């Protein structure tokens, strides 16, 4: 019955935005933050990460019902997730991830956020809710694309 504040902020942003926030992010980046892609999904290094090496997987199509993904779509999602996680394994990075879907008028979007847990938050991060990261999105993108 309680929506997390970060999810609530994102839902409010989506309601205010005329175009799908996720689709416009991909267009604005011009592929610069693109890590991997396949027929159904993009993997990106977000422009404003909270954590070094943060990565997102976004559905290309407007879909929000994760449970309705067909077997082939699930396989493609798993393969893209595997690519990201195998790169994190090379630096022995623990991680957590979560699945999200947001409805925006007639658009809805499934995405997954992968959050490596390599940094310890100190007083600044805990007090302000702002994060100091040590790796730029460009460096993170280069790291993920190296194989």
C-alpha atoms as a PDB file:
ATOM      1  CA  UNK A   1       0.000   0.000   0.000  1.00  0.00           C
ATOM      2  CA  UNK A   2       3.062   2.279   0.144  1.00  0.00           C
ATOM      3  CA  UNK A   3       4.942   3.342  -2.972  1.00  0.00           C
ATOM      4  CA  UNK A   4       8.680   3.990  -2.475  1.00  0.00           C
ATOM      5  CA  UNK A   5       9.529   7.705  -2.815  1.00  0.00           C
ATOM      6  CA  UNK A   6      11.907   7.120  -5.758  1.00  0.00           C
ATOM      7  CA  UNK A   7       9.204   5.213  -7.662  1.00  0.00           C
ATOM      8  CA  UNK A   8       6.649   7.921  -6.861  1.00  0.00           C
ATOM      9  CA  UNK A   9       8.999  10.629  -8.180  1.00  0.00           C
ATOM     10  CA  UNK A  10       9.515   8.680 -11.402  1.00  0.00           C
ATOM     11  CA  UNK A  11       5.773   8.170 -11.891  1.00  0.00           C
ATOM     12  CA  UNK A  12       5.229  11.918 -11.388  1.00  0.00           C
ATOM     13  CA  UNK A  13       7.993  12.742 -13.891  1.00  0.00           C
ATOM     14  CA  UNK A  14       6.451  10.356 -16.419  1.00  0.00           C
ATOM     15  CA  UNK A  15       3.041  12.004 -15.992  1.00  0.00           C
ATOM     16  CA  UNK A  16       4.526  15.471 -16.683  1.00  0.00           C
ATOM     17  CA  UNK A  17       6.615  14.385 -19.674  1.00  0.00           C
ATOM     18  CA  UNK A  18       4.900  14.492 -23.060  1.00  0.00           C
ATOM     19  CA  UNK A  19       7.080  11.774 -24.544  1.00  0.00           C
ATOM     20  CA  UNK A  20       8.120   8.537 -22.869  1.00  0.00           C
ATOM     21  CA  UNK A  21      10.994   9.372 -20.519  1.00  0.00           C
ATOM     22  CA  UNK A  22      12.846   6.154 -21.334  1.00  0.00           C
ATOM     23  CA  UNK A  23      12.504   6.496 -25.111  1.00  0.00           C
ATOM     24  CA  UNK A  24      13.588  10.153 -25.004  1.00  0.00           C
ATOM     25  CA  UNK A  25      16.626   9.166 -22.901  1.00  0.00           C
ATOM     26  CA  UNK A  26      17.754   6.719 -25.576  1.00  0.00           C
ATOM     27  CA  UNK A  27      17.239   9.332 -28.335  1.00  0.00           C
ATOM     28  CA  UNK A  28      19.044  12.075 -26.377  1.00  0.00           C
ATOM     29  CA  UNK A  29      22.040   9.873 -25.758  1.00  0.00           C
ATOM     30  CA  UNK A  30      22.475   9.166 -29.452  1.00  0.00           C
ATOM     31  CA  UNK A  31      23.811   5.740 -28.541  1.00  0.00           C
ATOM     32  CA  UNK A  32      26.590   7.198 -26.362  1.00  0.00           C
ATOM     33  CA  UNK A  33      25.442   5.385 -23.254  1.00  0.00           C
ATOM     34  CA  UNK A  34      24.364   2.240 -25.082  1.00  0.00           C
ATOM     35  CA  UNK A  35      26.105  -0.838 -23.706  1.00  0.00           C
ATOM     36  CA  UNK A  36      24.358  -3.693 -25.499  1.00  0.00           C
ATOM     37  CA  UNK A  37      21.146  -4.274 -27.392  1.00  0.00           C
ATOM     38  CA  UNK A  38      19.114  -7.030 -28.972  1.00  0.00           C
ATOM     39  CA  UNK A  39      15.730  -7.279 -30.673  1.00  0.00           C
ATOM     40  CA  UNK A  40      13.749  -6.486 -27.501  1.00  0.00           C
ATOM     41  CA  UNK A  41      15.997  -4.549 -25.105  1.00  0.00           C
ATOM     42  CA  UNK A  42      18.661  -1.873 -24.690  1.00  0.00           C
ATOM     43  CA  UNK A  43      21.223  -1.855 -21.915  1.00  0.00           C
ATOM     44  CA  UNK A  44      22.533   1.610 -21.008  1.00  0.00           C
ATOM     45  CA  UNK A  45      24.789   3.374 -18.547  1.00  0.00           C
ATOM     46  CA  UNK A  46      22.396   6.028 -17.182  1.00  0.00           C
ATOM     47  CA  UNK A  47      23.390   9.673 -17.635  1.00  0.00           C
ATOM     48  CA  UNK A  48      22.959  10.460 -13.923  1.00  0.00           C
ATOM     49  CA  UNK A  49      23.963   7.289 -12.094  1.00  0.00           C
ATOM     50  CA  UNK A  50      23.604   6.936  -8.344  1.00  0.00           C
ATOM     51  CA  UNK A  51      26.342   4.321  -8.162  1.00  0.00           C
ATOM     52  CA  UNK A  52      29.511   3.690 -10.176  1.00  0.00           C
ATOM     53  CA  UNK A  53      28.892   1.180 -12.981  1.00  0.00           C
ATOM     54  CA  UNK A  54      25.096   1.421 -12.631  1.00  0.00           C
ATOM     55  CA  UNK A  55      23.394  -0.132 -15.667  1.00  0.00           C
ATOM     56  CA  UNK A  56      19.807  -0.252 -16.868  1.00  0.00           C
ATOM     57  CA  UNK A  57      18.022  -2.621 -19.205  1.00  0.00           C
ATOM     58  CA  UNK A  58      15.070  -1.031 -21.015  1.00  0.00           C
ATOM     59  CA  UNK A  59      12.397  -2.683 -23.130  1.00  0.00           C
ATOM     60  CA  UNK A  60      12.403  -1.262 -26.651  1.00  0.00           C
ATOM     61  CA  UNK A  61       8.638  -1.579 -26.930  1.00  0.00           C
ATOM     62  CA  UNK A  62       6.139   0.013 -24.581  1.00  0.00           C
ATOM     63  CA  UNK A  63       5.288  -2.929 -22.385  1.00  0.00           C
ATOM     64  CA  UNK A  64       4.856  -3.136 -18.680  1.00  0.00           C
ATOM     65  CA  UNK A  65       3.618  -6.639 -17.971  1.00  0.00           C
ATOM     66  CA  UNK A  66       6.793  -8.584 -17.219  1.00  0.00           C
ATOM     67  CA  UNK A  67       4.775 -11.729 -16.575  1.00  0.00           C
ATOM     68  CA  UNK A  68       3.340 -11.586 -20.108  1.00  0.00           C
ATOM     69  CA  UNK A  69       6.754 -11.657 -21.801  1.00  0.00           C
ATOM     70  CA  UNK A  70       6.988 -14.665 -24.057  1.00  0.00           C
ATOM     71  CA  UNK A  71       9.697 -17.285 -23.745  1.00  0.00           C
ATOM     72  CA  UNK A  72      11.869 -15.751 -26.478  1.00  0.00           C
ATOM     73  CA  UNK A  73      11.596 -12.248 -24.966  1.00  0.00           C
ATOM     74  CA  UNK A  74      12.580 -13.654 -21.556  1.00  0.00           C
ATOM     75  CA  UNK A  75      15.544 -15.414 -23.147  1.00  0.00           C
ATOM     76  CA  UNK A  76      16.708 -12.158 -24.736  1.00  0.00           C
ATOM     77  CA  UNK A  77      16.325 -10.337 -21.417  1.00  0.00           C
ATOM     78  CA  UNK A  78      18.346 -13.045 -19.672  1.00  0.00           C
ATOM     79  CA  UNK A  79      21.113 -12.886 -22.289  1.00  0.00           C
ATOM     80  CA  UNK A  80      21.441  -9.113 -21.949  1.00  0.00           C
ATOM     81  CA  UNK A  81      21.431  -9.341 -18.151  1.00  0.00           C
ATOM     82  CA  UNK A  82      24.081 -12.060 -18.378  1.00  0.00           C
ATOM     83  CA  UNK A  83      26.364  -9.775 -20.438  1.00  0.00           C
ATOM     84  CA  UNK A  84      26.151  -7.031 -17.817  1.00  0.00           C
ATOM     85  CA  UNK A  85      26.658  -9.395 -14.881  1.00  0.00           C
ATOM     86  CA  UNK A  86      29.613 -11.177 -16.513  1.00  0.00           C
ATOM     87  CA  UNK A  87      31.359  -7.799 -16.855  1.00  0.00           C
ATOM     88  CA  UNK A  88      30.716  -7.056 -13.165  1.00  0.00           C
ATOM     89  CA  UNK A  89      32.098 -10.478 -12.281  1.00  0.00           C
ATOM     90  CA  UNK A  90      35.474  -9.486 -13.799  1.00  0.00           C
ATOM     91  CA  UNK A  91      35.890  -6.923 -10.991  1.00  0.00           C
ATOM     92  CA  UNK A  92      34.225  -9.103  -8.343  1.00  0.00           C
ATOM     93  CA  UNK A  93      31.465  -6.531  -7.813  1.00  0.00           C
ATOM     94  CA  UNK A  94      28.502  -7.512  -5.670  1.00  0.00           C
ATOM     95  CA  UNK A  95      25.237  -6.128  -7.016  1.00  0.00           C
ATOM     96  CA  UNK A  96      21.526  -5.945  -6.579  1.00  0.00           C
ATOM     97  CA  UNK A  97      18.892  -5.369  -9.217  1.00  0.00           C
ATOM     98  CA  UNK A  98      15.216  -4.746  -9.447  1.00  0.00           C
ATOM     99  CA  UNK A  99      12.495  -4.872 -12.060  1.00  0.00           C
ATOM    100  CA  UNK A 100      10.152  -1.924 -12.611  1.00  0.00           C
ATOM    101  CA  UNK A 101       7.341  -0.944 -14.906  1.00  0.00           C
ATOM    102  CA  UNK A 102       5.690   2.444 -15.170  1.00  0.00           C
ATOM    103  CA  UNK A 103       2.547   3.526 -16.952  1.00  0.00           C
ATOM    104  CA  UNK A 104       2.515   6.896 -18.719  1.00  0.00           C
ATOM    105  CA  UNK A 105      -0.849   7.670 -20.332  1.00  0.00           C
ATOM    106  CA  UNK A 106      -0.897   5.112 -23.169  1.00  0.00           C
ATOM    107  CA  UNK A 107       2.787   4.339 -22.816  1.00  0.00           C
ATOM    108  CA  UNK A 108       4.231   1.962 -20.297  1.00  0.00           C
ATOM    109  CA  UNK A 109       7.759   0.818 -19.890  1.00  0.00           C
ATOM    110  CA  UNK A 110       9.475  -2.146 -18.286  1.00  0.00           C
ATOM    111  CA  UNK A 111      13.029  -1.642 -17.127  1.00  0.00           C
ATOM    112  CA  UNK A 112      15.596  -3.222 -14.854  1.00  0.00           C
ATOM    113  CA  UNK A 113      18.238  -1.384 -12.834  1.00  0.00           C
ATOM    114  CA  UNK A 114      21.501  -3.140 -11.915  1.00  0.00           C
ATOM    115  CA  UNK A 115      23.274  -1.513  -8.982  1.00  0.00           C
ATOM    116  CA  UNK A 116      26.816  -2.651  -8.199  1.00  0.00           C
ATOM    117  CA  UNK A 117      27.558  -2.361  -4.474  1.00  0.00           C
ATOM    118  CA  UNK A 118      31.243  -1.415  -4.497  1.00  0.00           C
ATOM    119  CA  UNK A 119      31.081   1.846  -2.576  1.00  0.00           C
ATOM    120  CA  UNK A 120      30.356   2.526   1.067  1.00  0.00           C
ATOM    121  CA  UNK A 121      28.133   5.526   1.602  1.00  0.00           C
ATOM    122  CA  UNK A 122      29.352   8.040   4.153  1.00  0.00           C
ATOM    123  CA  UNK A 123      27.783  10.941   5.973  1.00  0.00           C
ATOM    124  CA  UNK A 124      27.365  13.061   2.843  1.00  0.00           C
ATOM    125  CA  UNK A 125      25.376  10.439   0.953  1.00  0.00           C
ATOM    126  CA  UNK A 126      23.346   9.322   3.953  1.00  0.00           C
ATOM    127  CA  UNK A 127      22.519  12.884   5.053  1.00  0.00           C
ATOM    128  CA  UNK A 128      21.836  14.460   1.676  1.00  0.00           C
ATOM    129  CA  UNK A 129      20.448  11.641  -0.464  1.00  0.00           C
ATOM    130  CA  UNK A 130      22.984  12.721  -3.106  1.00  0.00           C
ATOM    131  CA  UNK A 131      25.698  10.353  -4.212  1.00  0.00           C
ATOM    132  CA  UNK A 132      29.375  10.762  -4.955  1.00  0.00           C
ATOM    133  CA  UNK A 133      30.457   8.396  -7.702  1.00  0.00           C
ATOM    134  CA  UNK A 134      34.005   7.665  -8.777  1.00  0.00           C
ATOM    135  CA  UNK A 135      33.296   6.469 -12.324  1.00  0.00           C
ATOM    136  CA  UNK A 136      31.724   8.613 -15.043  1.00  0.00           C
ATOM    137  CA  UNK A 137      28.950   7.138 -17.196  1.00  0.00           C
ATOM    138  CA  UNK A 138      31.373   7.263 -20.146  1.00  0.00           C
ATOM    139  CA  UNK A 139      33.975   5.223 -18.237  1.00  0.00           C
ATOM    140  CA  UNK A 140      31.280   2.774 -17.154  1.00  0.00           C
ATOM    141  CA  UNK A 141      30.114   2.423 -20.761  1.00  0.00           C
ATOM    142  CA  UNK A 142      33.643   1.716 -21.930  1.00  0.00           C
ATOM    143  CA  UNK A 143      34.081  -0.879 -19.164  1.00  0.00           C
ATOM    144  CA  UNK A 144      30.892  -2.739 -20.101  1.00  0.00           C
ATOM    145  CA  UNK A 145      31.574  -2.703 -23.836  1.00  0.00           C
ATOM    146  CA  UNK A 146      35.066  -4.218 -23.392  1.00  0.00           C
ATOM    147  CA  UNK A 147      34.890  -7.980 -23.657  1.00  0.00           C
END
